[in-house]
Structure formats: C-alpha cells, structure tokens
Amino acid sequence: MKKVVLLFILFVFSLSQADAQEFHFIPRIGLNLANTYPESFADMRPGLNIGVAEEIRFSKLFALEPGVYYSMQGYQKENAKGETARLKADYLNIPIYAKFYLYRGFHLFAGPQVGFNVRAKASNYIFVSGPTPVHQSEYDFSGDKKEEIRNCDFSVSMGLGYTFDMGLVISANYNLGCTHFFKEPEYSFGGSNHFRGKDHNGIIQFNLGWRF
C-alpha cells in the first residue's frame, strides 16, 4: 500500500511538468457533511475542509486538478438504549480531478483521492432525558492505539462546479470511500454502541474558492 501511495503522490507532482496551456492556483474552504456506509445508519458530522489546488488547463474543455486538503470527517449514531456514539476523524486528503468544462464556467469533475489519517477520537454518550449525558467515555486513537484504525483512506470523488470570470469558484461533490475505517470487523468501548469495522467514509462537500 505504501508503494501505491508513493506512486500516486509522484504522479500528482509530475503533473506540474505537463505541457499545459494554463496554470491556476485555487485556495478553497468549505463545509463537510460526513458519515459512513453501508452498515451504519449514521447521522452526519458537520465539519470543515480547507486546502489548495492547482488547475492544469490543457484546453477550453479539459483540465486536471490535483490538490491538498485538511478534512474533518467521521459520524455519529444513536441506538435504542439512548447511547450516542461519535467518531471524529480528520484527514489530509490528496485528490486528483479530471475536469470537463461544458458551458462557460460550468464544469463536472471526478477522480481518485488518497487520505492520510492525522487524528481520530471516538466518544460514547448515554442520555436518560434532556441534552446532558449521564455517562461519557472517550477513546483517543493515538500512539499505539493508532494501529487499530487504517492510516490511509482511498476514495473516489465526483461533483460539479462553476468558475466565474472574476475568479470565484463554487463546487459541490461527494467522496465515496473505498477503504474500511477500522481494522477489526466490529469495535466497541464504553457501552453497547458499536462501531462497524466495515464502514467506509462518505462525505458531501460544499466549497468556495478563488482562482488565481
């Protein structure tokens, strides 16, 4: 897996040497609505994503766009016993998009993405009545415990956007994870609410950027 990741990164940086017509840098910030699939009926965890991309324009219709983003992901879910499990997982994501300009600034994009887990923390809350939990337990996946989760996440992302003449870029996309989050088939701590080891990341993203 490390060789695949290394080759992916080398390929992304080699694009800067491509015979392109235009180069643009696009800093972005946006909203994440993150959950997991297919085994958990999870509520979405809101979060931020922020980063920068390079648009390599080959023609009026086609461009490639590698980027680097810090992304706040995870999910939360509730069971019948009144327990709420929350998972906060932050990644450094490196996507590479193929962009197709269909009409003026309107474009579609899709491509692979590799993500590196930089932080993960799970919490379990037990509510009896009201908004205040009567019991709370937390688990930080750091140090030796980091081996219990997968450090790399491979996904496929697809979406649409619009680039205005002034430079403003708006976009929306969905990241479909291809890698299990946990290494074990089922994971539990501090209660009966389980995290499913076969869960994949799934993120809806809304972004604003500016093309230079």
N, C-alpha and C. Protein backbone atom coordinates (compact mmCIF):
# COMPACT_ATOMS: atom_id res chain seq x y z
N MET A 1 0.83 -1.21 0.00
CA MET A 1 0.00 0.00 0.00
C MET A 1 0.86 1.26 0.00
N LYS A 2 1.99 1.24 0.72
CA LYS A 2 2.86 2.41 0.76
C LYS A 2 3.41 2.73 -0.61
N LYS A 3 3.71 1.70 -1.41
CA LYS A 3 4.22 1.93 -2.76
C LYS A 3 3.16 2.58 -3.64
N VAL A 4 1.91 2.13 -3.47
CA VAL A 4 0.82 2.72 -4.25
C VAL A 4 0.64 4.19 -3.89
N VAL A 5 0.69 4.51 -2.59
CA VAL A 5 0.55 5.90 -2.15
C VAL A 5 1.69 6.75 -2.70
N LEU A 6 2.91 6.23 -2.64
CA LEU A 6 4.07 6.98 -3.13
C LEU A 6 3.96 7.25 -4.62
N LEU A 7 3.55 6.24 -5.38
CA LEU A 7 3.37 6.42 -6.83
C LEU A 7 2.29 7.44 -7.13
N PHE A 8 1.23 7.42 -6.33
CA PHE A 8 0.14 8.38 -6.51
C PHE A 8 0.64 9.80 -6.30
N ILE A 9 1.41 10.02 -5.24
CA ILE A 9 1.93 11.36 -4.95
C ILE A 9 2.90 11.82 -6.02
N LEU A 10 3.78 10.92 -6.47
CA LEU A 10 4.72 11.28 -7.53
C LEU A 10 4.00 11.64 -8.81
N PHE A 11 2.91 10.93 -9.10
CA PHE A 11 2.13 11.23 -10.29
C PHE A 11 1.49 12.61 -10.19
N VAL A 12 0.97 12.94 -9.01
CA VAL A 12 0.35 14.25 -8.82
C VAL A 12 1.35 15.37 -9.06
N PHE A 13 2.55 15.25 -8.48
CA PHE A 13 3.54 16.31 -8.63
C PHE A 13 4.14 16.35 -10.03
N SER A 14 4.15 15.23 -10.73
CA SER A 14 4.66 15.22 -12.10
C SER A 14 3.75 15.99 -13.05
N LEU A 15 2.50 16.20 -12.64
CA LEU A 15 1.58 16.94 -13.50
C LEU A 15 2.02 18.39 -13.69
N SER A 16 2.78 18.91 -12.74
CA SER A 16 3.22 20.29 -12.86
C SER A 16 4.20 20.47 -14.02
N GLN A 17 4.75 19.35 -14.53
CA GLN A 17 5.66 19.40 -15.66
C GLN A 17 4.95 19.18 -16.99
N ALA A 18 3.63 19.05 -16.94
CA ALA A 18 2.86 18.73 -18.15
C ALA A 18 2.84 19.92 -19.12
N ASP A 19 2.63 19.60 -20.40
CA ASP A 19 2.56 20.61 -21.45
C ASP A 19 1.15 21.18 -21.48
N ALA A 20 0.89 22.12 -20.60
CA ALA A 20 -0.46 22.68 -20.45
C ALA A 20 -0.50 24.10 -20.99
N GLN A 21 -1.71 24.57 -21.26
CA GLN A 21 -1.91 25.92 -21.76
C GLN A 21 -1.97 26.95 -20.63
N GLU A 22 -2.54 26.56 -19.48
CA GLU A 22 -2.70 27.49 -18.36
C GLU A 22 -2.48 26.76 -17.04
N PHE A 23 -1.99 27.52 -16.04
CA PHE A 23 -1.87 27.03 -14.68
C PHE A 23 -2.57 28.02 -13.75
N HIS A 24 -3.37 27.50 -12.84
CA HIS A 24 -4.05 28.35 -11.86
C HIS A 24 -3.97 27.70 -10.49
N PHE A 25 -3.83 28.53 -9.43
CA PHE A 25 -3.92 28.05 -8.06
C PHE A 25 -5.27 28.45 -7.49
N ILE A 26 -5.89 27.50 -6.74
CA ILE A 26 -7.23 27.72 -6.21
C ILE A 26 -7.26 27.37 -4.73
N PRO A 27 -7.10 28.33 -3.81
CA PRO A 27 -7.35 28.06 -2.39
C PRO A 27 -8.84 27.88 -2.16
N ARG A 28 -9.19 26.93 -1.27
CA ARG A 28 -10.60 26.61 -1.04
C ARG A 28 -10.88 26.43 0.45
N ILE A 29 -12.13 26.69 0.82
CA ILE A 29 -12.64 26.36 2.15
C ILE A 29 -14.10 25.97 2.00
N GLY A 30 -14.54 25.01 2.82
CA GLY A 30 -15.91 24.56 2.65
C GLY A 30 -16.44 23.75 3.81
N LEU A 31 -17.67 23.30 3.64
CA LEU A 31 -18.41 22.54 4.65
C LEU A 31 -18.41 21.06 4.29
N ASN A 32 -18.11 20.21 5.27
CA ASN A 32 -18.26 18.76 5.15
C ASN A 32 -19.52 18.30 5.87
N LEU A 33 -20.25 17.39 5.26
CA LEU A 33 -21.31 16.64 5.93
C LEU A 33 -20.90 15.17 5.80
N ALA A 34 -20.31 14.63 6.88
CA ALA A 34 -19.65 13.34 6.80
C ALA A 34 -20.43 12.26 7.55
N ASN A 35 -20.44 11.06 6.99
CA ASN A 35 -20.97 9.89 7.67
C ASN A 35 -20.26 8.66 7.13
N THR A 36 -20.83 7.49 7.36
CA THR A 36 -20.23 6.25 6.86
C THR A 36 -21.31 5.39 6.22
N TYR A 37 -20.87 4.42 5.46
CA TYR A 37 -21.77 3.47 4.80
C TYR A 37 -21.01 2.15 4.69
N PRO A 38 -21.62 0.99 4.45
CA PRO A 38 -23.07 0.81 4.28
C PRO A 38 -23.77 0.30 5.53
N GLU A 39 -23.00 -0.07 6.59
CA GLU A 39 -23.60 -0.80 7.70
C GLU A 39 -24.21 0.11 8.75
N SER A 40 -23.77 1.33 8.85
CA SER A 40 -24.27 2.24 9.88
C SER A 40 -25.27 3.21 9.29
N PHE A 41 -26.42 3.34 9.95
CA PHE A 41 -27.36 4.39 9.59
C PHE A 41 -26.99 5.60 10.44
N ALA A 42 -25.96 6.29 10.01
CA ALA A 42 -25.34 7.30 10.85
C ALA A 42 -25.83 8.69 10.52
N ASP A 43 -25.89 9.52 11.56
CA ASP A 43 -26.14 10.94 11.34
C ASP A 43 -24.84 11.59 10.88
N MET A 44 -25.00 12.66 10.11
CA MET A 44 -23.83 13.31 9.55
C MET A 44 -23.12 14.18 10.58
N ARG A 45 -21.79 14.17 10.50
CA ARG A 45 -20.97 15.05 11.33
C ARG A 45 -20.57 16.27 10.49
N PRO A 46 -21.00 17.48 10.88
CA PRO A 46 -20.55 18.66 10.15
C PRO A 46 -19.11 18.99 10.48
N GLY A 47 -18.40 19.52 9.52
CA GLY A 47 -17.01 19.89 9.73
C GLY A 47 -16.52 20.77 8.60
N LEU A 48 -15.26 21.13 8.65
CA LEU A 48 -14.66 21.99 7.65
C LEU A 48 -13.66 21.22 6.80
N ASN A 49 -13.44 21.72 5.60
CA ASN A 49 -12.30 21.30 4.81
C ASN A 49 -11.65 22.55 4.23
N ILE A 50 -10.32 22.54 4.21
CA ILE A 50 -9.59 23.71 3.74
C ILE A 50 -8.32 23.24 3.05
N GLY A 51 -7.97 23.90 1.95
CA GLY A 51 -6.77 23.49 1.24
C GLY A 51 -6.55 24.31 -0.01
N VAL A 52 -5.70 23.78 -0.89
CA VAL A 52 -5.35 24.47 -2.12
C VAL A 52 -5.21 23.46 -3.24
N ALA A 53 -5.58 23.88 -4.44
CA ALA A 53 -5.49 23.03 -5.62
C ALA A 53 -4.75 23.77 -6.73
N GLU A 54 -4.25 23.00 -7.69
CA GLU A 54 -3.63 23.56 -8.89
C GLU A 54 -4.41 23.08 -10.10
N GLU A 55 -4.96 24.00 -10.86
CA GLU A 55 -5.67 23.64 -12.08
C GLU A 55 -4.71 23.72 -13.25
N ILE A 56 -4.59 22.59 -13.96
CA ILE A 56 -3.71 22.49 -15.12
C ILE A 56 -4.60 22.39 -16.34
N ARG A 57 -4.74 23.50 -17.05
CA ARG A 57 -5.70 23.59 -18.16
C ARG A 57 -5.02 23.19 -19.47
N PHE A 58 -5.54 22.13 -20.09
CA PHE A 58 -4.98 21.65 -21.35
C PHE A 58 -5.72 22.20 -22.56
N SER A 59 -6.98 22.55 -22.39
CA SER A 59 -7.79 23.09 -23.48
C SER A 59 -8.96 23.85 -22.87
N LYS A 60 -9.84 24.38 -23.71
CA LYS A 60 -11.03 25.06 -23.20
C LYS A 60 -11.97 24.10 -22.51
N LEU A 61 -11.87 22.81 -22.85
CA LEU A 61 -12.82 21.84 -22.34
C LEU A 61 -12.28 20.94 -21.24
N PHE A 62 -10.96 20.81 -21.11
CA PHE A 62 -10.41 19.79 -20.20
C PHE A 62 -9.27 20.36 -19.36
N ALA A 63 -9.26 19.93 -18.08
CA ALA A 63 -8.19 20.30 -17.15
C ALA A 63 -8.00 19.18 -16.13
N LEU A 64 -6.83 19.15 -15.53
CA LEU A 64 -6.55 18.28 -14.38
C LEU A 64 -6.34 19.17 -13.16
N GLU A 65 -6.79 18.67 -12.00
CA GLU A 65 -6.70 19.48 -10.79
C GLU A 65 -6.27 18.63 -9.59
N PRO A 66 -4.97 18.55 -9.30
CA PRO A 66 -4.53 17.95 -8.04
C PRO A 66 -4.65 18.96 -6.90
N GLY A 67 -4.81 18.46 -5.68
CA GLY A 67 -4.95 19.36 -4.54
C GLY A 67 -4.57 18.69 -3.23
N VAL A 68 -4.49 19.48 -2.18
CA VAL A 68 -4.21 19.01 -0.83
C VAL A 68 -5.19 19.71 0.11
N TYR A 69 -5.91 18.92 0.93
CA TYR A 69 -6.95 19.48 1.81
C TYR A 69 -6.90 18.83 3.19
N TYR A 70 -7.11 19.67 4.21
CA TYR A 70 -7.36 19.15 5.56
C TYR A 70 -8.87 18.99 5.71
N SER A 71 -9.32 17.79 6.06
CA SER A 71 -10.75 17.48 6.04
C SER A 71 -11.20 16.86 7.36
N MET A 72 -12.25 17.44 7.96
CA MET A 72 -12.82 16.93 9.21
C MET A 72 -13.95 15.96 8.87
N GLN A 73 -13.78 14.68 9.21
CA GLN A 73 -14.72 13.64 8.83
C GLN A 73 -15.17 12.86 10.06
N GLY A 74 -15.94 11.77 9.85
CA GLY A 74 -16.45 10.96 10.94
C GLY A 74 -17.95 10.80 10.85
N TYR A 75 -18.59 10.52 11.99
CA TYR A 75 -20.05 10.37 12.02
C TYR A 75 -20.53 10.26 13.46
N GLN A 76 -21.84 10.22 13.63
CA GLN A 76 -22.44 9.92 14.92
C GLN A 76 -23.69 9.08 14.68
N LYS A 77 -24.03 8.26 15.65
CA LYS A 77 -25.24 7.44 15.54
C LYS A 77 -25.79 7.17 16.93
N GLU A 78 -27.07 6.84 16.98
CA GLU A 78 -27.76 6.59 18.24
C GLU A 78 -28.45 5.24 18.18
N ASN A 79 -28.38 4.48 19.30
CA ASN A 79 -29.07 3.19 19.34
C ASN A 79 -30.33 3.29 20.19
N ALA A 80 -31.04 2.16 20.33
CA ALA A 80 -32.33 2.14 21.04
C ALA A 80 -32.17 2.33 22.54
N LYS A 81 -30.96 2.20 23.08
CA LYS A 81 -30.73 2.34 24.51
C LYS A 81 -30.42 3.77 24.93
N GLY A 82 -30.48 4.69 24.00
CA GLY A 82 -30.19 6.08 24.32
C GLY A 82 -28.72 6.42 24.32
N GLU A 83 -27.91 5.60 23.70
CA GLU A 83 -26.48 5.87 23.60
C GLU A 83 -26.18 6.51 22.25
N THR A 84 -25.34 7.51 22.29
CA THR A 84 -24.90 8.18 21.08
C THR A 84 -23.40 8.01 20.93
N ALA A 85 -22.99 7.39 19.84
CA ALA A 85 -21.57 7.19 19.55
C ALA A 85 -21.14 8.20 18.49
N ARG A 86 -20.02 8.84 18.75
CA ARG A 86 -19.50 9.83 17.81
C ARG A 86 -18.05 9.51 17.48
N LEU A 87 -17.73 9.66 16.22
CA LEU A 87 -16.37 9.41 15.76
C LEU A 87 -15.89 10.65 15.01
N LYS A 88 -14.79 11.22 15.49
CA LYS A 88 -14.17 12.35 14.82
C LYS A 88 -12.87 11.87 14.19
N ALA A 89 -12.78 11.99 12.88
CA ALA A 89 -11.60 11.52 12.15
C ALA A 89 -11.19 12.59 11.14
N ASP A 90 -10.00 13.12 11.30
CA ASP A 90 -9.51 14.17 10.41
C ASP A 90 -8.44 13.60 9.48
N TYR A 91 -8.48 14.06 8.24
CA TYR A 91 -7.59 13.53 7.21
C TYR A 91 -6.89 14.65 6.46
N LEU A 92 -5.72 14.31 5.93
CA LEU A 92 -5.06 15.11 4.91
C LEU A 92 -5.32 14.42 3.59
N ASN A 93 -6.19 15.00 2.78
CA ASN A 93 -6.64 14.36 1.53
C ASN A 93 -5.92 14.95 0.33
N ILE A 94 -5.55 14.07 -0.61
CA ILE A 94 -4.89 14.47 -1.85
C ILE A 94 -5.70 13.92 -3.02
N PRO A 95 -6.59 14.71 -3.60
CA PRO A 95 -7.36 14.27 -4.77
C PRO A 95 -6.67 14.69 -6.06
N ILE A 96 -7.03 14.02 -7.15
CA ILE A 96 -6.67 14.49 -8.48
C ILE A 96 -7.90 14.34 -9.36
N TYR A 97 -8.39 15.47 -9.83
CA TYR A 97 -9.64 15.50 -10.58
C TYR A 97 -9.39 15.70 -12.07
N ALA A 98 -10.18 15.02 -12.87
CA ALA A 98 -10.33 15.35 -14.28
C ALA A 98 -11.54 16.27 -14.39
N LYS A 99 -11.34 17.47 -14.95
CA LYS A 99 -12.40 18.47 -15.03
C LYS A 99 -12.82 18.67 -16.49
N PHE A 100 -14.11 18.67 -16.68
CA PHE A 100 -14.68 18.84 -18.02
C PHE A 100 -15.56 20.09 -18.03
N TYR A 101 -15.14 21.10 -18.76
CA TYR A 101 -15.90 22.35 -18.87
C TYR A 101 -16.94 22.19 -19.98
N LEU A 102 -18.21 22.28 -19.59
CA LEU A 102 -19.31 22.03 -20.52
C LEU A 102 -19.87 23.31 -21.13
N TYR A 103 -19.98 24.37 -20.33
CA TYR A 103 -20.53 25.63 -20.83
C TYR A 103 -20.00 26.76 -19.97
N ARG A 104 -19.22 27.65 -20.59
CA ARG A 104 -18.59 28.74 -19.87
C ARG A 104 -17.84 28.20 -18.65
N GLY A 105 -18.24 28.66 -17.43
CA GLY A 105 -17.53 28.19 -16.24
C GLY A 105 -18.09 26.94 -15.61
N PHE A 106 -19.19 26.41 -16.16
CA PHE A 106 -19.81 25.22 -15.57
C PHE A 106 -18.98 23.98 -15.92
N HIS A 107 -18.67 23.18 -14.91
CA HIS A 107 -17.82 22.01 -15.13
C HIS A 107 -18.24 20.84 -14.25
N LEU A 108 -17.94 19.66 -14.71
CA LEU A 108 -18.05 18.42 -13.95
C LEU A 108 -16.64 17.92 -13.66
N PHE A 109 -16.48 17.22 -12.52
CA PHE A 109 -15.16 16.69 -12.19
C PHE A 109 -15.30 15.37 -11.45
N ALA A 110 -14.27 14.54 -11.59
CA ALA A 110 -14.24 13.24 -10.91
C ALA A 110 -12.80 12.76 -10.87
N GLY A 111 -12.51 11.91 -9.87
CA GLY A 111 -11.17 11.37 -9.80
C GLY A 111 -10.90 10.65 -8.49
N PRO A 112 -9.73 10.01 -8.38
CA PRO A 112 -9.35 9.29 -7.16
C PRO A 112 -8.81 10.24 -6.10
N GLN A 113 -8.81 9.76 -4.87
CA GLN A 113 -8.29 10.53 -3.75
C GLN A 113 -7.65 9.59 -2.74
N VAL A 114 -6.52 9.98 -2.20
CA VAL A 114 -5.91 9.24 -1.10
C VAL A 114 -5.88 10.16 0.12
N GLY A 115 -6.26 9.63 1.28
CA GLY A 115 -6.29 10.41 2.50
C GLY A 115 -5.44 9.78 3.59
N PHE A 116 -4.77 10.61 4.37
CA PHE A 116 -3.92 10.16 5.47
C PHE A 116 -4.55 10.61 6.78
N ASN A 117 -4.85 9.66 7.66
CA ASN A 117 -5.47 9.99 8.94
C ASN A 117 -4.47 10.71 9.83
N VAL A 118 -4.84 11.89 10.32
CA VAL A 118 -3.97 12.67 11.19
C VAL A 118 -4.52 12.76 12.61
N ARG A 119 -5.80 12.41 12.79
CA ARG A 119 -6.40 12.48 14.13
C ARG A 119 -7.69 11.68 14.13
N ALA A 120 -7.89 10.89 15.20
CA ALA A 120 -9.14 10.13 15.33
C ALA A 120 -9.48 10.00 16.81
N LYS A 121 -10.76 10.27 17.13
CA LYS A 121 -11.22 10.20 18.51
C LYS A 121 -12.67 9.76 18.54
N ALA A 122 -12.96 8.78 19.37
CA ALA A 122 -14.33 8.25 19.49
C ALA A 122 -14.88 8.62 20.86
N SER A 123 -16.19 8.89 20.91
CA SER A 123 -16.87 9.22 22.16
C SER A 123 -18.17 8.46 22.24
N ASN A 124 -18.54 8.05 23.46
CA ASN A 124 -19.81 7.37 23.67
C ASN A 124 -20.57 8.09 24.78
N TYR A 125 -21.79 8.55 24.47
CA TYR A 125 -22.61 9.30 25.42
C TYR A 125 -23.89 8.51 25.72
N ILE A 126 -24.29 8.50 26.99
CA ILE A 126 -25.54 7.87 27.39
C ILE A 126 -26.48 8.95 27.93
N PHE A 127 -27.64 9.11 27.29
CA PHE A 127 -28.63 10.11 27.68
C PHE A 127 -29.84 9.39 28.29
N VAL A 128 -30.34 9.91 29.41
CA VAL A 128 -31.58 9.41 30.01
C VAL A 128 -32.73 10.33 29.63
N SER A 129 -32.57 11.60 29.87
CA SER A 129 -33.54 12.61 29.45
C SER A 129 -32.82 13.95 29.38
N GLY A 130 -33.22 14.77 28.43
CA GLY A 130 -32.59 16.07 28.28
C GLY A 130 -31.30 15.99 27.49
N PRO A 131 -30.66 17.16 27.28
CA PRO A 131 -29.48 17.23 26.43
C PRO A 131 -28.17 16.86 27.12
N THR A 132 -28.20 16.65 28.45
CA THR A 132 -26.96 16.39 29.19
C THR A 132 -26.75 14.89 29.37
N PRO A 133 -25.59 14.35 28.95
CA PRO A 133 -25.36 12.92 29.12
C PRO A 133 -25.09 12.57 30.58
N VAL A 134 -25.55 11.39 31.01
CA VAL A 134 -25.29 10.93 32.37
C VAL A 134 -24.00 10.12 32.44
N HIS A 135 -23.50 9.71 31.30
CA HIS A 135 -22.24 8.98 31.25
C HIS A 135 -21.55 9.30 29.94
N GLN A 136 -20.24 9.46 30.02
CA GLN A 136 -19.47 9.75 28.81
C GLN A 136 -18.14 9.02 28.88
N SER A 137 -17.75 8.39 27.81
CA SER A 137 -16.44 7.76 27.71
C SER A 137 -15.82 8.14 26.38
N GLU A 138 -14.51 8.34 26.39
CA GLU A 138 -13.81 8.76 25.18
C GLU A 138 -12.61 7.85 24.93
N TYR A 139 -12.26 7.78 23.68
CA TYR A 139 -11.14 6.93 23.27
C TYR A 139 -10.37 7.66 22.19
N ASP A 140 -9.10 7.92 22.46
CA ASP A 140 -8.26 8.65 21.53
C ASP A 140 -7.35 7.66 20.80
N PHE A 141 -7.49 7.62 19.48
CA PHE A 141 -6.67 6.71 18.67
C PHE A 141 -5.33 7.38 18.36
N SER A 142 -4.44 7.36 19.34
CA SER A 142 -3.12 7.95 19.16
C SER A 142 -2.08 7.00 19.75
N GLY A 143 -0.83 7.22 19.42
CA GLY A 143 0.23 6.34 19.90
C GLY A 143 0.05 4.92 19.39
N ASP A 144 0.16 3.95 20.32
CA ASP A 144 -0.01 2.54 19.94
C ASP A 144 -1.44 2.25 19.49
N LYS A 145 -2.42 2.98 20.01
CA LYS A 145 -3.82 2.74 19.65
C LYS A 145 -4.12 3.12 18.20
N LYS A 146 -3.23 3.90 17.58
CA LYS A 146 -3.44 4.30 16.20
C LYS A 146 -3.42 3.10 15.26
N GLU A 147 -2.80 1.99 15.72
CA GLU A 147 -2.75 0.79 14.89
C GLU A 147 -4.12 0.13 14.74
N GLU A 148 -5.10 0.55 15.53
CA GLU A 148 -6.43 -0.06 15.45
C GLU A 148 -7.26 0.49 14.29
N ILE A 149 -6.81 1.58 13.68
CA ILE A 149 -7.51 2.15 12.53
C ILE A 149 -6.57 2.15 11.33
N ARG A 150 -7.16 2.31 10.17
CA ARG A 150 -6.36 2.34 8.94
C ARG A 150 -5.86 3.77 8.71
N ASN A 151 -4.57 3.88 8.45
CA ASN A 151 -3.97 5.19 8.30
C ASN A 151 -4.27 5.84 6.95
N CYS A 152 -4.53 5.00 5.93
CA CYS A 152 -4.79 5.51 4.59
C CYS A 152 -6.22 5.21 4.18
N ASP A 153 -6.82 6.16 3.50
CA ASP A 153 -8.18 6.01 3.01
C ASP A 153 -8.21 6.34 1.52
N PHE A 154 -8.60 5.36 0.72
CA PHE A 154 -8.74 5.58 -0.72
C PHE A 154 -10.21 5.82 -1.04
N SER A 155 -10.47 6.79 -1.89
CA SER A 155 -11.85 7.12 -2.23
C SER A 155 -11.94 7.62 -3.67
N VAL A 156 -13.17 7.70 -4.14
CA VAL A 156 -13.47 8.27 -5.45
C VAL A 156 -14.40 9.45 -5.22
N SER A 157 -14.08 10.56 -5.85
CA SER A 157 -14.86 11.78 -5.66
C SER A 157 -15.43 12.25 -7.00
N MET A 158 -16.65 12.78 -6.95
CA MET A 158 -17.29 13.31 -8.16
C MET A 158 -18.17 14.49 -7.79
N GLY A 159 -18.27 15.46 -8.69
CA GLY A 159 -19.08 16.63 -8.37
C GLY A 159 -19.21 17.58 -9.53
N LEU A 160 -19.68 18.77 -9.23
CA LEU A 160 -19.88 19.81 -10.24
C LEU A 160 -19.55 21.16 -9.63
N GLY A 161 -19.30 22.13 -10.51
CA GLY A 161 -18.95 23.45 -10.02
C GLY A 161 -19.10 24.51 -11.09
N TYR A 162 -18.83 25.74 -10.68
CA TYR A 162 -18.89 26.85 -11.63
C TYR A 162 -17.77 27.83 -11.29
N THR A 163 -17.03 28.25 -12.32
CA THR A 163 -15.97 29.24 -12.18
C THR A 163 -16.42 30.55 -12.81
N PHE A 164 -16.52 31.58 -12.00
CA PHE A 164 -16.94 32.89 -12.50
C PHE A 164 -15.74 33.63 -13.10
N ASP A 165 -16.03 34.56 -14.01
CA ASP A 165 -14.97 35.31 -14.67
C ASP A 165 -14.10 36.07 -13.68
N MET A 166 -14.67 36.55 -12.58
CA MET A 166 -13.93 37.30 -11.57
C MET A 166 -12.92 36.43 -10.82
N GLY A 167 -13.12 35.08 -10.85
CA GLY A 167 -12.22 34.18 -10.16
C GLY A 167 -12.88 33.31 -9.10
N LEU A 168 -14.09 33.68 -8.67
CA LEU A 168 -14.80 32.89 -7.67
C LEU A 168 -15.16 31.51 -8.22
N VAL A 169 -14.93 30.48 -7.40
CA VAL A 169 -15.24 29.10 -7.78
C VAL A 169 -16.15 28.50 -6.71
N ILE A 170 -17.29 27.97 -7.12
CA ILE A 170 -18.17 27.25 -6.20
C ILE A 170 -18.28 25.81 -6.68
N SER A 171 -18.42 24.88 -5.73
CA SER A 171 -18.48 23.47 -6.11
C SER A 171 -19.19 22.66 -5.04
N ALA A 172 -19.69 21.51 -5.46
CA ALA A 172 -20.28 20.52 -4.56
C ALA A 172 -19.86 19.15 -5.05
N ASN A 173 -19.51 18.27 -4.13
CA ASN A 173 -19.06 16.93 -4.54
C ASN A 173 -19.34 15.91 -3.45
N TYR A 174 -19.25 14.65 -3.83
CA TYR A 174 -19.40 13.54 -2.89
C TYR A 174 -18.18 12.64 -2.97
N ASN A 175 -17.59 12.34 -1.81
CA ASN A 175 -16.46 11.42 -1.72
C ASN A 175 -16.95 10.05 -1.27
N LEU A 176 -16.73 9.06 -2.09
CA LEU A 176 -17.17 7.70 -1.82
C LEU A 176 -15.97 6.87 -1.38
N GLY A 177 -15.88 6.55 -0.08
CA GLY A 177 -14.74 5.83 0.45
C GLY A 177 -14.69 4.38 -0.02
N CYS A 178 -13.48 3.89 -0.23
CA CYS A 178 -13.26 2.50 -0.68
C CYS A 178 -12.52 1.66 0.35
N THR A 179 -12.15 2.26 1.48
CA THR A 179 -11.34 1.59 2.49
C THR A 179 -12.10 1.50 3.81
N HIS A 180 -12.05 0.34 4.48
CA HIS A 180 -12.64 0.21 5.81
C HIS A 180 -11.90 1.12 6.80
N PHE A 181 -12.67 1.73 7.72
CA PHE A 181 -12.04 2.63 8.68
C PHE A 181 -11.27 1.86 9.75
N PHE A 182 -11.93 0.88 10.40
CA PHE A 182 -11.29 0.08 11.44
C PHE A 182 -10.69 -1.19 10.83
N LYS A 183 -9.67 -1.72 11.49
CA LYS A 183 -9.06 -2.96 11.03
C LYS A 183 -9.84 -4.19 11.48
N GLU A 184 -10.59 -4.07 12.59
CA GLU A 184 -11.39 -5.18 13.09
C GLU A 184 -12.82 -5.09 12.53
N PRO A 185 -13.55 -6.23 12.45
CA PRO A 185 -14.91 -6.20 11.88
C PRO A 185 -15.91 -5.45 12.74
N GLU A 186 -15.67 -5.35 14.05
CA GLU A 186 -16.57 -4.60 14.93
C GLU A 186 -15.77 -4.04 16.08
N TYR A 187 -16.11 -2.82 16.48
CA TYR A 187 -15.35 -2.15 17.52
C TYR A 187 -16.30 -1.49 18.50
N SER A 188 -16.03 -1.67 19.82
CA SER A 188 -16.90 -1.11 20.84
C SER A 188 -16.07 -0.72 22.06
N PHE A 189 -16.53 0.32 22.76
CA PHE A 189 -15.90 0.71 24.01
C PHE A 189 -16.91 1.51 24.81
N GLY A 190 -16.85 1.43 26.11
CA GLY A 190 -17.62 2.29 27.00
C GLY A 190 -19.12 2.19 26.87
N GLY A 191 -19.66 1.10 26.34
CA GLY A 191 -21.10 0.97 26.17
C GLY A 191 -21.42 -0.06 25.12
N SER A 192 -22.68 -0.20 24.79
CA SER A 192 -23.10 -1.23 23.84
C SER A 192 -23.20 -0.71 22.42
N ASN A 193 -22.88 0.55 22.21
CA ASN A 193 -22.94 1.13 20.87
C ASN A 193 -21.68 0.74 20.12
N HIS A 194 -21.84 0.08 19.00
CA HIS A 194 -20.70 -0.47 18.28
C HIS A 194 -20.36 0.39 17.07
N PHE A 195 -19.06 0.47 16.79
CA PHE A 195 -18.59 1.00 15.52
C PHE A 195 -18.34 -0.19 14.61
N ARG A 196 -18.85 -0.11 13.40
CA ARG A 196 -18.70 -1.20 12.46
C ARG A 196 -17.36 -1.10 11.73
N GLY A 197 -16.59 -2.17 11.79
CA GLY A 197 -15.28 -2.16 11.16
C GLY A 197 -15.32 -2.08 9.65
N LYS A 198 -16.44 -2.48 9.05
CA LYS A 198 -16.54 -2.46 7.60
C LYS A 198 -17.11 -1.15 7.07
N ASP A 199 -17.27 -0.17 7.93
CA ASP A 199 -17.77 1.13 7.48
C ASP A 199 -16.73 1.83 6.60
N HIS A 200 -17.23 2.57 5.63
CA HIS A 200 -16.41 3.40 4.77
C HIS A 200 -16.78 4.86 5.00
N ASN A 201 -15.84 5.75 4.73
CA ASN A 201 -16.14 7.18 4.79
C ASN A 201 -17.04 7.59 3.62
N GLY A 202 -17.94 8.51 3.90
CA GLY A 202 -18.77 9.12 2.86
C GLY A 202 -18.98 10.58 3.22
N ILE A 203 -18.61 11.49 2.31
CA ILE A 203 -18.63 12.92 2.63
C ILE A 203 -19.28 13.72 1.51
N ILE A 204 -20.24 14.56 1.88
CA ILE A 204 -20.77 15.58 0.98
C ILE A 204 -20.03 16.88 1.29
N GLN A 205 -19.52 17.54 0.25
CA GLN A 205 -18.74 18.75 0.45
C GLN A 205 -19.30 19.91 -0.38
N PHE A 206 -19.33 21.09 0.24
CA PHE A 206 -19.68 22.34 -0.44
C PHE A 206 -18.52 23.31 -0.24
N ASN A 207 -17.97 23.83 -1.35
CA ASN A 207 -16.75 24.61 -1.26
C ASN A 207 -16.85 25.95 -1.99
N LEU A 208 -16.11 26.91 -1.45
CA LEU A 208 -15.86 28.20 -2.10
C LEU A 208 -14.37 28.34 -2.31
N GLY A 209 -13.99 28.85 -3.47
CA GLY A 209 -12.58 29.06 -3.76
C GLY A 209 -12.37 30.29 -4.62
N TRP A 210 -11.09 30.60 -4.84
CA TRP A 210 -10.75 31.73 -5.71
C TRP A 210 -9.60 31.31 -6.61
N ARG A 211 -9.81 31.45 -7.90
CA ARG A 211 -8.80 31.02 -8.86
C ARG A 211 -7.86 32.17 -9.22
N PHE A 212 -6.56 31.93 -9.01
CA PHE A 212 -5.54 32.93 -9.34
C PHE A 212 -4.79 32.50 -10.61
